[in-house]
């Protein structure tokens, strides 16, 4: 009797153990629970997949990574698109500095020179006998005197060398004409966006795989609680029958005590099963982003299908596995990285146009608006070894990605073979243990009937009942493992999201109330 009881307890503990999802909990004690509600909502397997796709924190963070990668792509476009900038500055100088071309003394000397020439011309005109020529000479002399007076009375213009206040502005546009590196860098930025999207889908498949396993385990644990409940009811019926036989003098007090012990043990197993059920619920709630208690219904079993040849399954994996697509993009990035490192040796050219404004029109120029068009070119000659280092680094990364291709190829084949072997074993185990459970249940019923007739002993009934309980737990565990193995095959083939039709589920964006709630939560944290 002792050995079946210990076996049943061990099987119960194994069946209600916390799912792997709880191992990643951020709690300090590892103990988790849900808020009690009067009427827990019922979540189907389809609901669980939808909630995980929409509310899983990991998936929501992964979807934000896609936005980050798109932002990096926007930055990469700057390598080929024009850059336009507008700048302005306001300057106060002191003291203000001015300059002038000439001085009053210079003007007076120049006027004196003109007067002297005019007097000389008039004196020469008096000696000319021809009246017409004399009149012309006198006119020249008068014109010289007028110019002398104009020079003498002219104001000296000043221009500003250093203005007291000046406002300058510029509008600059630069257009890359040729930069060979921009093409592979832009392609790599596009590939990075694609990798992030694929990684998000891969994370989704991982989360949904965890949800499926946890949901099936929760459903199995719920059934296990019902099995243990039947075990408690059976033990109580057996205890009552033993008491009646004891009162009639057909059983000893030892048999009555053993029957009472069976009831206590069954009740303890029921408490353990219910605790395991709460733990399994908390594990699933963590994946679904839930805090309130809920219930689940038995998921529809996956129907077994005829498996094709291994090569066909392997080709399906190559067609559907996301990690292969990620590796393909990584290899392309590494290859383009080698090209980009060599393209650093080529020259680059760009066209720059600039419009300028200044409020200082009292200086050397009186035009407030000016402009320029500049054609720039650069040819790297020696950069201290950066280009050579980049070439060597790119070659090493490319070689590493080449090796990863072979590594992932072998890993997928090994994983697929192992999954198929495991599935075959789990199918055989489930079939065998189901037959064992049916036989054990029949044996227990016979033992109880014989005991009621006075043919069997009480310990025979206890052993048979515990054996039936252990067999039922074992069969339930085998069914769970079989369902997990079938889901595992779909996951290994990269077809899990298509199987559960979760490709169209989109993670929810961060809402404004979540931002406010997060800030409020952090405000409650005490500073050191």
Protein backbone atom coordinates (compact mmCIF):
# COMPACT_ATOMS: atom_id res chain seq x y z
CA UNK A 1 0.00 0.00 0.00
CA UNK A 2 2.76 2.44 0.82
CA UNK A 3 4.43 2.17 -2.57
CA UNK A 4 1.28 2.99 -4.64
CA UNK A 5 0.54 5.94 -2.37
CA UNK A 6 4.01 7.38 -2.84
CA UNK A 7 3.79 6.75 -6.57
CA UNK A 8 0.46 8.56 -6.79
CA UNK A 9 1.83 11.54 -4.88
CA UNK A 10 4.87 11.73 -7.15
CA UNK A 11 2.73 11.58 -10.28
CA UNK A 12 0.43 14.25 -8.90
CA UNK A 13 3.35 16.56 -8.13
CA UNK A 14 4.75 16.02 -11.62
CA UNK A 15 1.42 16.67 -13.30
CA UNK A 16 0.72 19.95 -11.49
CA UNK A 17 4.25 21.32 -11.61
CA UNK A 18 4.58 24.93 -12.69
CA UNK A 19 4.91 25.40 -16.43
CA UNK A 20 8.24 26.60 -17.83
CA UNK A 21 6.81 30.08 -18.35
CA UNK A 22 6.99 30.75 -14.62
CA UNK A 23 10.73 30.23 -14.59
CA UNK A 24 11.07 33.64 -16.24
CA UNK A 25 8.98 35.45 -13.65
CA UNK A 26 10.43 38.61 -12.20
CA UNK A 27 8.97 37.92 -8.74
CA UNK A 28 11.35 37.50 -5.84
CA UNK A 29 9.71 34.45 -4.27
CA UNK A 30 8.58 32.64 -7.41
CA UNK A 31 5.04 32.55 -6.01
CA UNK A 32 2.32 34.18 -8.09
CA UNK A 33 -1.44 34.53 -7.83
CA UNK A 34 -4.46 36.18 -9.41
CA UNK A 35 -7.13 38.53 -8.14
CA UNK A 36 -10.25 36.62 -7.04
CA UNK A 37 -13.49 37.38 -8.88
CA UNK A 38 -17.03 36.15 -8.29
CA UNK A 39 -17.57 34.83 -11.81
CA UNK A 40 -14.28 34.08 -13.58
CA UNK A 41 -14.39 34.52 -17.33
CA UNK A 42 -13.92 31.43 -19.47
CA UNK A 43 -11.02 31.67 -21.88
CA UNK A 44 -10.88 29.31 -24.82
CA UNK A 45 -7.67 28.30 -26.54
CA UNK A 46 -8.54 30.66 -29.39
CA UNK A 47 -9.09 33.48 -26.88
CA UNK A 48 -5.72 32.71 -25.30
CA UNK A 49 -3.92 33.00 -28.63
CA UNK A 50 -5.68 36.28 -29.41
CA UNK A 51 -4.97 37.79 -25.99
CA UNK A 52 -1.32 36.74 -26.14
CA UNK A 53 -0.96 38.25 -29.61
CA UNK A 54 -2.51 41.53 -28.52
CA UNK A 55 -1.44 41.92 -24.88
CA UNK A 56 1.82 40.03 -24.46
CA UNK A 57 4.37 42.53 -23.18
CA UNK A 58 7.19 40.77 -25.00
CA UNK A 59 5.35 40.99 -28.33
CA UNK A 60 4.38 44.61 -27.79
CA UNK A 61 8.00 45.50 -27.09
CA UNK A 62 9.09 43.52 -30.16
CA UNK A 63 6.61 45.43 -32.33
CA UNK A 64 8.12 48.69 -31.08
CA UNK A 65 11.51 47.43 -32.23
CA UNK A 66 10.08 47.42 -35.76
CA UNK A 67 9.34 51.14 -35.42
CA UNK A 68 12.90 51.67 -34.19
CA UNK A 69 14.35 49.88 -37.21
CA UNK A 70 12.14 51.94 -39.53
CA UNK A 71 13.52 55.06 -37.90
CA UNK A 72 17.04 53.81 -38.64
CA UNK A 73 16.00 53.31 -42.28
CA UNK A 74 14.82 56.92 -42.39
CA UNK A 75 18.27 57.98 -41.20
CA UNK A 76 19.91 55.85 -43.88
CA UNK A 77 18.03 57.70 -46.61
CA UNK A 78 20.00 60.81 -45.61
CA UNK A 79 22.94 59.32 -47.52
CA UNK A 80 21.19 59.86 -50.87
CA UNK A 81 18.63 62.60 -50.21
CA UNK A 82 19.42 66.33 -50.12
CA UNK A 83 20.10 67.96 -46.78
CA UNK A 84 18.61 71.43 -46.27
CA UNK A 85 19.44 73.67 -43.34
CA UNK A 86 18.50 77.19 -42.33
CA UNK A 87 20.74 79.17 -40.02
CA UNK A 88 20.71 82.68 -38.54
CA UNK A 89 22.76 84.73 -36.11
CA UNK A 90 22.42 88.12 -34.51
CA UNK A 91 25.68 89.85 -33.45
CA UNK A 92 26.33 92.93 -31.32
CA UNK A 93 29.83 94.44 -31.79
CA UNK A 94 31.42 97.21 -29.76
CA UNK A 95 32.75 99.62 -30.58
CA UNK A 96 31.39 100.06 -34.08
CA UNK A 97 34.18 100.67 -36.59
CA UNK A 98 33.87 102.75 -39.76
CA UNK A 99 36.25 103.78 -42.55
CA UNK A 100 36.24 106.25 -45.47
CA UNK A 101 38.06 106.60 -48.77
CA UNK A 102 39.67 110.12 -48.59
CA UNK A 103 39.62 113.12 -46.20
CA UNK A 104 38.82 116.94 -46.26
CA UNK A 105 42.54 117.72 -46.53
CA UNK A 106 42.86 115.47 -49.56
CA UNK A 107 39.83 117.13 -51.16
CA UNK A 108 41.24 120.62 -50.48
CA UNK A 109 44.56 119.73 -52.08
CA UNK A 110 42.78 118.23 -55.09
CA UNK A 111 40.56 121.37 -55.39
CA UNK A 112 43.68 123.60 -55.18
CA UNK A 113 45.22 121.60 -57.97
CA UNK A 114 42.11 122.07 -60.13
CA UNK A 115 42.13 125.87 -59.37
CA UNK A 116 45.79 126.12 -60.35
CA UNK A 117 45.15 124.35 -63.62
CA UNK A 118 42.12 126.64 -64.24
CA UNK A 119 44.21 129.79 -63.62
CA UNK A 120 46.94 128.53 -65.86
CA UNK A 121 44.41 127.73 -68.60
CA UNK A 122 42.83 131.25 -68.31
CA UNK A 123 46.28 132.91 -68.55
CA UNK A 124 47.07 130.95 -71.67
CA UNK A 125 43.65 131.86 -73.15
CA UNK A 126 44.50 135.61 -72.88
CA UNK A 127 47.41 135.08 -75.23
CA UNK A 128 45.38 133.28 -77.91
CA UNK A 129 44.59 135.71 -80.81
CA UNK A 130 41.76 133.59 -82.22
CA UNK A 131 38.52 134.56 -80.46
CA UNK A 132 36.96 131.13 -80.86
CA UNK A 133 39.92 129.28 -79.38
CA UNK A 134 40.18 131.88 -76.63
CA UNK A 135 36.53 131.31 -75.69
CA UNK A 136 37.02 127.54 -75.60
CA UNK A 137 40.03 127.83 -73.30
CA UNK A 138 38.13 130.12 -70.97
CA UNK A 139 35.27 127.60 -70.81
CA UNK A 140 37.74 124.87 -69.81
CA UNK A 141 39.13 127.09 -67.09
CA UNK A 142 35.64 127.78 -65.77
CA UNK A 143 34.81 124.06 -65.78
CA UNK A 144 37.94 123.34 -63.79
CA UNK A 145 37.00 125.98 -61.21
CA UNK A 146 33.53 124.42 -60.83
CA UNK A 147 35.07 120.95 -60.34
CA UNK A 148 37.43 122.41 -57.74
CA UNK A 149 34.50 123.95 -55.88
CA UNK A 150 32.58 120.64 -56.08
CA UNK A 151 35.55 118.70 -54.72
CA UNK A 152 36.11 121.23 -51.97
CA UNK A 153 32.48 121.08 -50.84
CA UNK A 154 31.97 117.32 -51.32
CA UNK A 155 31.11 115.18 -48.25
CA UNK A 156 33.42 112.29 -47.42
CA UNK A 157 31.33 108.97 -47.52
CA UNK A 158 31.99 106.46 -44.77
CA UNK A 159 31.42 102.68 -44.84
CA UNK A 160 31.01 100.30 -41.89
CA UNK A 161 33.85 97.89 -41.27
CA UNK A 162 32.49 96.40 -38.02
CA UNK A 163 28.79 97.18 -37.53
CA UNK A 164 27.39 97.61 -34.05
CA UNK A 165 24.49 95.23 -34.78
CA UNK A 166 24.17 92.81 -37.65
CA UNK A 167 21.77 89.99 -38.56
CA UNK A 168 23.10 87.24 -40.84
CA UNK A 169 21.21 84.25 -42.21
CA UNK A 170 21.91 81.39 -44.61
CA UNK A 171 19.95 78.67 -46.40
CA UNK A 172 22.13 75.74 -47.43
CA UNK A 173 21.17 72.72 -49.53
CA UNK A 174 23.60 69.88 -50.22
CA UNK A 175 22.86 67.08 -52.68
CA UNK A 176 25.00 63.93 -52.77
CA UNK A 177 25.96 63.30 -56.39
CA UNK A 178 28.05 60.17 -55.95
CA UNK A 179 28.67 58.15 -52.79
CA UNK A 180 29.15 54.47 -53.58
CA UNK A 181 28.80 53.44 -49.92
CA UNK A 182 25.24 54.76 -49.72
CA UNK A 183 23.78 51.92 -51.81
CA UNK A 184 24.86 48.93 -49.65
CA UNK A 185 24.27 50.91 -46.46
CA UNK A 186 20.73 51.75 -47.54
CA UNK A 187 20.11 48.13 -48.53
CA UNK A 188 21.37 46.95 -45.13
CA UNK A 189 19.03 49.37 -43.39
CA UNK A 190 16.12 47.90 -45.36
CA UNK A 191 17.26 44.39 -44.46
CA UNK A 192 17.45 45.42 -40.80
CA UNK A 193 13.77 46.39 -40.93
CA UNK A 194 12.93 43.03 -42.49
CA UNK A 195 14.99 41.19 -39.85
CA UNK A 196 13.16 43.03 -37.08
CA UNK A 197 9.81 42.09 -38.59
CA UNK A 198 10.88 38.47 -38.90
CA UNK A 199 12.22 38.48 -35.35
CA UNK A 200 8.88 39.82 -34.16
CA UNK A 201 7.11 36.98 -35.92
CA UNK A 202 9.61 34.55 -34.41
CA UNK A 203 8.93 36.00 -30.97
CA UNK A 204 5.22 35.66 -31.66
CA UNK A 205 5.67 31.99 -32.54
CA UNK A 206 7.64 31.46 -29.34
CA UNK A 207 5.02 33.18 -27.19
CA UNK A 208 2.18 31.28 -28.84
CA UNK A 209 4.10 28.03 -28.40
CA UNK A 210 4.40 28.82 -24.70
CA UNK A 211 0.71 29.77 -24.53
CA UNK A 212 -0.34 26.52 -26.21
CA UNK A 213 1.78 24.38 -23.88
CA UNK A 214 0.66 26.27 -20.80
CA UNK A 215 -3.00 26.18 -21.82
CA UNK A 216 -2.92 22.44 -22.43
CA UNK A 217 -1.18 21.91 -19.11
CA UNK A 218 -3.76 24.11 -17.36
CA UNK A 219 -6.61 22.16 -18.97
CA UNK A 220 -4.97 18.88 -18.00
CA UNK A 221 -4.47 20.11 -14.44
CA UNK A 222 -8.12 21.08 -14.29
CA UNK A 223 -9.07 17.55 -15.35
CA UNK A 224 -6.63 16.22 -12.80
CA UNK A 225 -8.42 18.19 -10.07
CA UNK A 226 -11.62 16.49 -11.13
CA UNK A 227 -9.89 13.09 -11.02
CA UNK A 228 -8.58 13.79 -7.53
CA UNK A 229 -12.07 14.92 -6.51
CA UNK A 230 -13.44 11.58 -7.62
CA UNK A 231 -10.64 9.92 -5.66
CA UNK A 232 -11.71 11.81 -2.53
CA UNK A 233 -15.33 10.81 -3.02
CA UNK A 234 -14.31 7.19 -3.58
CA UNK A 235 -12.13 7.19 -0.46
CA UNK A 236 -15.01 8.59 1.61
CA UNK A 237 -17.39 5.95 0.28
CA UNK A 238 -14.86 3.26 1.10
CA UNK A 239 -14.38 4.73 4.57
CA UNK A 240 -18.13 4.68 5.21
CA UNK A 241 -18.40 1.10 3.99
CA UNK A 242 -15.47 0.07 6.19
CA UNK A 243 -17.11 1.73 9.19
CA UNK A 244 -20.31 -0.21 8.57
CA UNK A 245 -18.40 -3.47 8.39
CA UNK A 246 -16.45 -2.52 11.50
CA UNK A 247 -19.69 -1.88 13.37
CA UNK A 248 -20.93 -5.28 12.19
CA UNK A 249 -17.74 -6.91 13.43
CA UNK A 250 -16.43 -7.87 10.00
CA UNK A 251 -13.46 -5.44 9.99
CA UNK A 252 -10.76 -4.56 12.46
CA UNK A 253 -10.01 -1.12 13.81
CA UNK A 254 -6.78 -1.20 11.77
CA UNK A 255 -8.79 -1.45 8.55
CA UNK A 256 -10.98 1.46 9.68
CA UNK A 257 -7.91 3.58 10.48
CA UNK A 258 -6.39 2.75 7.10
CA UNK A 259 -9.60 3.80 5.37
CA UNK A 260 -9.59 7.06 7.29
CA UNK A 261 -5.92 7.58 6.34
CA UNK A 262 -6.84 7.09 2.68
CA UNK A 263 -9.42 9.86 2.98
CA UNK A 264 -6.90 12.24 4.55
CA UNK A 265 -4.31 11.40 1.87
CA UNK A 266 -6.84 11.92 -0.93
CA UNK A 267 -7.88 15.29 0.53
CA UNK A 268 -4.23 16.35 0.72
CA UNK A 269 -3.75 15.35 -2.91
CA UNK A 270 -6.83 17.38 -3.80
CA UNK A 271 -5.39 20.46 -2.10
CA UNK A 272 -2.10 19.95 -3.95
CA UNK A 273 -3.93 19.58 -7.25
CA UNK A 274 -5.91 22.78 -6.67
CA UNK A 275 -2.70 24.63 -5.74
CA UNK A 276 -1.16 23.35 -8.97
CA UNK A 277 -4.22 24.59 -10.84
CA UNK A 278 -3.76 28.08 -9.40
CA UNK A 279 -0.08 28.02 -10.33
CA UNK A 280 -0.88 26.94 -13.89
CA UNK A 281 -3.47 29.72 -14.17
CA UNK A 282 -0.94 32.29 -13.01
CA UNK A 283 1.57 31.03 -15.58
CA UNK A 284 -0.94 31.44 -18.39
CA UNK A 285 -2.10 34.79 -17.03
CA UNK A 286 1.49 36.04 -17.22
CA UNK A 287 1.60 35.20 -20.91
CA UNK A 288 -1.80 36.77 -21.57
CA UNK A 289 -1.30 39.92 -19.50
CA UNK A 290 -4.18 39.11 -17.12
CA UNK A 291 -4.53 39.87 -13.41
CA UNK A 292 -8.03 38.54 -12.61
CA UNK A 293 -8.88 34.90 -12.05
CA UNK A 294 -10.33 33.01 -15.00
CA UNK A 295 -11.30 29.54 -16.14
CA UNK A 296 -10.51 27.48 -19.22
CA UNK A 297 -12.33 24.86 -21.18
CA UNK A 298 -10.95 21.64 -22.58
CA UNK A 299 -9.15 22.47 -25.84
CA UNK A 300 -10.06 20.55 -28.97
CA UNK A 301 -7.53 17.76 -29.41
CA UNK A 302 -5.18 17.97 -32.36
CA UNK A 303 -6.20 15.32 -34.83
CA UNK A 304 -3.36 12.97 -35.78
CA UNK A 305 -2.43 13.16 -39.45
CA UNK A 306 -0.46 10.91 -41.70
CA UNK A 307 3.07 12.27 -41.76
CA UNK A 308 4.80 12.51 -45.13
CA UNK A 309 8.38 11.44 -45.79
CA UNK A 310 11.12 13.09 -43.79
CA UNK A 311 12.55 14.94 -46.79
CA UNK A 312 9.12 16.46 -47.42
CA UNK A 313 8.90 17.64 -43.79
CA UNK A 314 12.41 19.02 -43.98
CA UNK A 315 11.51 21.01 -47.09
CA UNK A 316 8.42 22.35 -45.32
CA UNK A 317 10.66 23.52 -42.50
CA UNK A 318 12.94 25.27 -45.00
CA UNK A 319 9.91 26.93 -46.53
CA UNK A 320 8.38 28.12 -43.24
CA UNK A 321 11.09 28.52 -40.58
CA UNK A 322 11.52 32.18 -39.70
CA UNK A 323 15.04 31.72 -38.35
CA UNK A 324 16.13 30.63 -41.83
CA UNK A 325 14.76 33.83 -43.31
CA UNK A 326 16.52 35.84 -40.64
CA UNK A 327 19.78 34.07 -41.42
CA UNK A 328 19.33 34.76 -45.12
CA UNK A 329 19.00 38.48 -44.40
CA UNK A 330 21.99 38.41 -42.04
CA UNK A 331 24.14 36.74 -44.70
CA UNK A 332 23.08 39.35 -47.26
CA UNK A 333 23.93 42.14 -44.80
CA UNK A 334 27.37 40.65 -44.17
CA UNK A 335 27.98 40.32 -47.91
CA UNK A 336 26.98 43.91 -48.56
CA UNK A 337 29.11 44.94 -45.62
CA UNK A 338 32.16 43.59 -47.46
CA UNK A 339 31.19 45.58 -50.54
CA UNK A 340 30.68 48.74 -48.51
CA UNK A 341 34.09 48.44 -46.86
CA UNK A 342 35.82 48.35 -50.28
CA UNK A 343 33.71 51.22 -51.61
CA UNK A 344 35.23 53.45 -48.96
CA UNK A 345 38.26 53.76 -51.25
CA UNK A 346 36.23 55.53 -53.95
CA UNK A 347 35.79 59.32 -54.15
CA UNK A 348 32.55 61.05 -53.22
CA UNK A 349 30.98 64.14 -54.72
CA UNK A 350 28.25 66.51 -53.67
CA UNK A 351 26.69 69.74 -54.83
CA UNK A 352 26.12 72.53 -52.32
CA UNK A 353 23.99 75.61 -52.94
CA UNK A 354 23.83 78.42 -50.43
CA UNK A 355 21.77 81.57 -50.10
CA UNK A 356 22.97 84.25 -47.67
CA UNK A 357 21.36 87.31 -46.09
CA UNK A 358 22.95 90.13 -44.11
CA UNK A 359 21.60 93.33 -42.62
CA UNK A 360 25.03 95.00 -43.05
CA UNK A 361 24.50 96.82 -46.37
CA UNK A 362 26.63 99.80 -45.31
CA UNK A 363 29.86 97.92 -45.76
CA UNK A 364 31.70 96.73 -48.82
CA UNK A 365 28.45 95.48 -50.39
CA UNK A 366 25.02 97.00 -50.47
CA UNK A 367 23.26 93.75 -51.46
CA UNK A 368 21.34 92.06 -48.62
CA UNK A 369 20.98 88.77 -50.51
CA UNK A 370 23.82 86.81 -52.08
CA UNK A 371 24.31 83.17 -53.10
CA UNK A 372 26.84 80.53 -54.16
CA UNK A 373 26.94 77.11 -55.81
CA UNK A 374 29.76 74.80 -54.75
CA UNK A 375 30.83 71.46 -56.21
CA UNK A 376 32.73 69.40 -53.63
CA UNK A 377 34.70 66.20 -54.03
CA UNK A 378 36.88 64.13 -51.71
CA UNK A 379 39.18 61.18 -52.28
CA UNK A 380 40.39 59.22 -49.24
CA UNK A 381 44.15 58.70 -49.35
CA UNK A 382 45.04 57.55 -45.85
CA UNK A 383 42.68 57.30 -42.89
CA UNK A 384 44.99 55.76 -40.33
CA UNK A 385 44.01 52.16 -41.21
CA UNK A 386 40.26 52.49 -40.62
CA UNK A 387 39.35 51.28 -44.10
CA UNK A 388 41.69 48.29 -43.98
CA UNK A 389 40.34 47.41 -40.55
CA UNK A 390 36.76 47.70 -41.83
CA UNK A 391 37.59 45.39 -44.75
CA UNK A 392 39.08 42.74 -42.46
CA UNK A 393 36.19 43.03 -40.02
CA UNK A 394 33.60 42.67 -42.81
CA UNK A 395 35.38 39.57 -44.15
CA UNK A 396 35.35 37.99 -40.68
CA UNK A 397 31.62 38.73 -40.21
CA UNK A 398 30.82 37.25 -43.61
CA UNK A 399 32.74 34.06 -42.81
CA UNK A 400 30.93 33.77 -39.47
CA UNK A 401 27.54 34.07 -41.17
CA UNK A 402 28.57 31.40 -43.69
CA UNK A 403 29.34 29.02 -40.83
CA UNK A 404 26.02 29.86 -39.16
CA UNK A 405 24.18 28.74 -42.29
CA UNK A 406 25.60 25.25 -41.93
CA UNK A 407 25.01 25.31 -38.20
CA UNK A 408 21.33 26.21 -38.51
CA UNK A 409 20.88 23.69 -41.32
CA UNK A 410 22.16 20.89 -39.12
CA UNK A 411 20.22 22.18 -36.12
CA UNK A 412 16.90 22.13 -37.97
CA UNK A 413 17.45 18.61 -39.24
CA UNK A 414 18.41 17.33 -35.79
CA UNK A 415 15.47 19.14 -34.18
CA UNK A 416 13.03 17.74 -36.72
CA UNK A 417 14.30 14.18 -36.34
CA UNK A 418 14.20 14.43 -32.57
CA UNK A 419 10.69 15.88 -32.63
CA UNK A 420 9.43 13.06 -34.86
CA UNK A 421 11.03 10.43 -32.63
CA UNK A 422 9.52 12.07 -29.56
CA UNK A 423 6.11 12.22 -31.22
CA UNK A 424 6.21 8.51 -32.03
CA UNK A 425 7.14 7.66 -28.44
CA UNK A 426 4.45 9.95 -27.01
CA UNK A 427 1.77 8.44 -29.25
CA UNK A 428 2.68 4.93 -28.12
CA UNK A 429 2.83 6.01 -24.47
CA UNK A 430 -0.57 7.69 -24.63
CA UNK A 431 -2.17 4.66 -26.26
CA UNK A 432 -0.63 2.20 -23.79
CA UNK A 433 -1.32 4.26 -20.67
CA UNK A 434 -4.92 4.86 -21.72
CA UNK A 435 -5.40 1.08 -21.86
CA UNK A 436 -3.64 0.72 -18.48
CA UNK A 437 -5.88 3.39 -16.94
CA UNK A 438 -9.03 1.67 -18.23
CA UNK A 439 -7.85 -1.67 -16.86
CA UNK A 440 -6.86 -0.16 -13.50
CA UNK A 441 -10.23 1.55 -13.20
CA UNK A 442 -11.98 -1.71 -13.92
CA UNK A 443 -9.79 -3.48 -11.35
CA UNK A 444 -10.64 -0.89 -8.69
CA UNK A 445 -14.35 -1.25 -9.38
CA UNK A 446 -14.09 -5.03 -9.07
CA UNK A 447 -12.15 -4.71 -5.81
CA UNK A 448 -14.82 -2.44 -4.33
CA UNK A 449 -17.57 -4.82 -5.44
CA UNK A 450 -15.77 -7.83 -3.96
CA UNK A 451 -15.13 -5.91 -0.74
CA UNK A 452 -18.84 -5.12 -0.50
CA UNK A 453 -19.54 -8.84 -0.84
CA UNK A 454 -16.99 -9.63 1.87
CA UNK A 455 -14.61 -11.43 -0.47
CA UNK A 456 -11.80 -8.84 -0.80
CA UNK A 457 -9.91 -7.14 2.00
CA UNK A 458 -9.83 -3.45 2.69
CA UNK A 459 -6.14 -3.09 1.78
CA UNK A 460 -6.91 -4.75 -1.59
CA UNK A 461 -9.43 -2.02 -2.26
CA UNK A 462 -6.99 0.71 -1.20
CA UNK A 463 -4.22 -0.65 -3.42
CA UNK A 464 -6.56 -1.04 -6.38
CA UNK A 465 -8.03 2.43 -5.93
CA UNK A 466 -4.60 4.08 -5.60
CA UNK A 467 -3.41 2.11 -8.57
CA UNK A 468 -6.35 3.36 -10.63
CA UNK A 469 -5.66 6.91 -9.51
CA UNK A 470 -1.97 6.64 -10.43
CA UNK A 471 -2.85 5.13 -13.81
CA UNK A 472 -5.36 7.88 -14.56
CA UNK A 473 -2.84 10.58 -13.64
CA UNK A 474 -0.22 8.85 -15.78
CA UNK A 475 -2.63 8.60 -18.70
CA UNK A 476 -3.59 12.24 -18.37
CA UNK A 477 0.07 13.24 -18.32
CA UNK A 478 0.70 11.12 -21.41
CA UNK A 479 -2.18 12.81 -23.24
CA UNK A 480 -0.73 16.19 -22.32
CA UNK A 481 2.71 15.19 -23.55
CA UNK A 482 1.22 13.90 -26.80
CA UNK A 483 -0.59 17.19 -27.47
CA UNK A 484 2.62 19.08 -26.69
CA UNK A 485 4.56 16.82 -29.03
CA UNK A 486 2.10 17.50 -31.86
CA UNK A 487 2.32 21.22 -31.24
CA UNK A 488 6.09 20.83 -31.04
CA UNK A 489 6.16 19.33 -34.52
CA UNK A 490 4.20 22.29 -35.88
CA UNK A 491 6.59 24.63 -34.08
CA UNK A 492 9.64 22.79 -35.43
CA UNK A 493 8.22 23.08 -38.96
CA UNK A 494 7.61 26.81 -38.49
CA UNK A 495 3.87 26.28 -39.05
CA UNK A 496 2.52 26.94 -35.56
CA UNK A 497 1.16 30.44 -36.22
CA UNK A 498 -0.50 29.23 -39.42
CA UNK A 499 -1.92 26.19 -37.60
CA UNK A 500 -3.60 28.31 -34.93
CA UNK A 501 -4.41 31.13 -37.42
CA UNK A 502 -2.62 33.84 -35.44
CA UNK A 503 -0.85 35.61 -38.31
CA UNK A 504 -3.41 38.44 -38.35
CA UNK A 505 -3.11 39.26 -34.63
CA UNK A 506 -1.46 42.64 -34.02
CA UNK A 507 0.08 43.67 -30.67
CA UNK A 508 -1.74 46.58 -29.09
CA UNK A 509 0.10 49.94 -29.12
CA UNK A 510 1.00 51.75 -25.92
CA UNK A 511 -2.10 53.65 -24.82
CA UNK A 512 -2.14 57.00 -23.08
CA UNK A 513 -3.63 55.52 -19.91
CA UNK A 514 -0.75 53.02 -19.78
CA UNK A 515 1.72 55.88 -19.89
CA UNK A 516 -0.08 57.67 -17.06
CA UNK A 517 -0.34 54.46 -15.03
CA UNK A 518 3.38 53.71 -15.50
CA UNK A 519 4.37 57.21 -14.41
CA UNK A 520 2.06 57.02 -11.42
CA UNK A 521 3.54 53.66 -10.45
CA UNK A 522 7.07 55.01 -10.64
CA UNK A 523 6.07 58.05 -8.61
CA UNK A 524 5.16 55.67 -5.78
CA UNK A 525 8.68 54.25 -5.75
CA UNK A 526 10.68 55.73 -2.91
CA UNK A 527 14.02 57.29 -3.80
CA UNK A 528 17.09 56.26 -1.86
